[in-house]
C-alpha atoms as a PDB file:
ATOM      1  CA  MET A   1    -183.560 102.029 134.444  1.00  0.00           C
ATOM      2  CA  ASN A   2    -183.882 104.140 137.563  1.00  0.00           C
ATOM      3  CA  PRO A   3    -187.238 104.852 139.261  1.00  0.00           C
ATOM      4  CA  THR A   4    -187.446 108.379 137.855  1.00  0.00           C
ATOM      5  CA  CYS A   5    -187.176 107.092 134.295  1.00  0.00           C
ATOM      6  CA  LEU A   6    -189.818 104.461 134.971  1.00  0.00           C
ATOM      7  CA  GLN A   7    -192.141 107.091 136.456  1.00  0.00           C
ATOM      8  CA  THR A   8    -191.573 109.296 133.413  1.00  0.00           C
ATOM      9  CA  LEU A   9    -192.504 106.445 131.097  1.00  0.00           C
ATOM     10  CA  GLU A  10    -195.655 105.764 133.122  1.00  0.00           C
ATOM     11  CA  LEU A  11    -196.707 109.435 133.011  1.00  0.00           C
ATOM     12  CA  LEU A  12    -196.091 109.590 129.272  1.00  0.00           C
ATOM     13  CA  ALA A  13    -198.132 106.424 128.783  1.00  0.00           C
ATOM     14  CA  ARG A  14    -201.020 107.939 130.760  1.00  0.00           C
ATOM     15  CA  ALA A  15    -200.834 111.133 128.710  1.00  0.00           C
ATOM     16  CA  LEU A  16    -200.821 109.051 125.536  1.00  0.00           C
ATOM     17  CA  ARG A  17    -204.006 107.249 126.529  1.00  0.00           C
ATOM     18  CA  LEU A  18    -205.742 110.510 127.475  1.00  0.00           C
ATOM     19  CA  MET A  19    -204.759 112.302 124.279  1.00  0.00           C
ATOM     20  CA  ASP A  20    -205.766 109.344 122.144  1.00  0.00           C
ATOM     21  CA  ARG A  21    -209.110 109.105 123.933  1.00  0.00           C
ATOM     22  CA  GLU A  22    -209.756 112.822 123.330  1.00  0.00           C
ATOM     23  CA  GLY A  23    -209.039 112.510 119.613  1.00  0.00           C
ATOM     24  CA  MET A  24    -205.717 114.341 119.759  1.00  0.00           C
ATOM     25  CA  HIS A  25    -203.956 111.794 117.594  1.00  0.00           C
ATOM     26  CA  GLN A  26    -201.034 113.993 116.484  1.00  0.00           C
ATOM     27  CA  ILE A  27    -200.148 114.803 120.078  1.00  0.00           C
ATOM     28  CA  ALA A  28    -200.584 111.155 121.028  1.00  0.00           C
ATOM     29  CA  ALA A  29    -198.187 110.181 118.239  1.00  0.00           C
ATOM     30  CA  ARG A  30    -195.554 112.597 119.565  1.00  0.00           C
ATOM     31  CA  ILE A  31    -195.960 111.202 123.077  1.00  0.00           C
ATOM     32  CA  ALA A  32    -195.618 107.676 121.684  1.00  0.00           C
ATOM     33  CA  MET A  33    -192.343 108.696 120.016  1.00  0.00           C
ATOM     34  CA  ALA A  34    -191.071 110.126 123.314  1.00  0.00           C
ATOM     35  CA  ILE A  35    -191.948 106.870 125.079  1.00  0.00           C
ATOM     36  CA  ASP A  36    -190.105 104.885 122.414  1.00  0.00           C
ATOM     37  CA  ASP A  37    -187.052 107.152 122.711  1.00  0.00           C
ATOM     38  CA  LEU A  38    -186.926 106.797 126.495  1.00  0.00           C
ATOM     39  CA  ALA A  39    -187.585 103.075 126.434  1.00  0.00           C
ATOM     40  CA  ALA A  40    -184.795 102.556 123.890  1.00  0.00           C
ATOM     41  CA  GLU A  41    -182.205 104.006 126.271  1.00  0.00           C
ATOM     42  CA  PRO A  42    -180.844 101.202 128.437  1.00  0.00           C
ATOM     43  CA  VAL A  43    -179.818 103.650 131.160  1.00  0.00           C
ATOM     44  CA  CYS A  44    -180.672 107.187 132.038  1.00  0.00           C
ATOM     45  CA  GLU A  45    -178.374 107.571 135.020  1.00  0.00           C
ATOM     46  CA  ASP A  46    -177.004 110.927 133.866  1.00  0.00           C
ATOM     47  CA  ARG A  47    -180.439 112.546 133.989  1.00  0.00           C
ATOM     48  CA  PRO A  48    -181.393 114.542 137.079  1.00  0.00           C
ATOM     49  CA  THR A  49    -183.960 112.981 139.383  1.00  0.00           C
ATOM     50  CA  ILE A  50    -187.277 114.622 140.205  1.00  0.00           C
ATOM     51  CA  ASN A  51    -187.369 113.518 143.850  1.00  0.00           C
END
C-alpha cells in the first residue's frame, strides 16, 4: 500500500475514535466500513496522491 493510502487509513481511524467518543455511533460505523474497504484492497496504486 502506498503512503497516501496508509495516511488515509490513519485519518479514518482517528475520525472513528473521535466519532465513537462523541457518541456518534452510526457515523463511526460508516467510517469503520470505509476503513475495512480500504484495508481489504491490496493495492491502491491507481488512486491519485494527495501530496
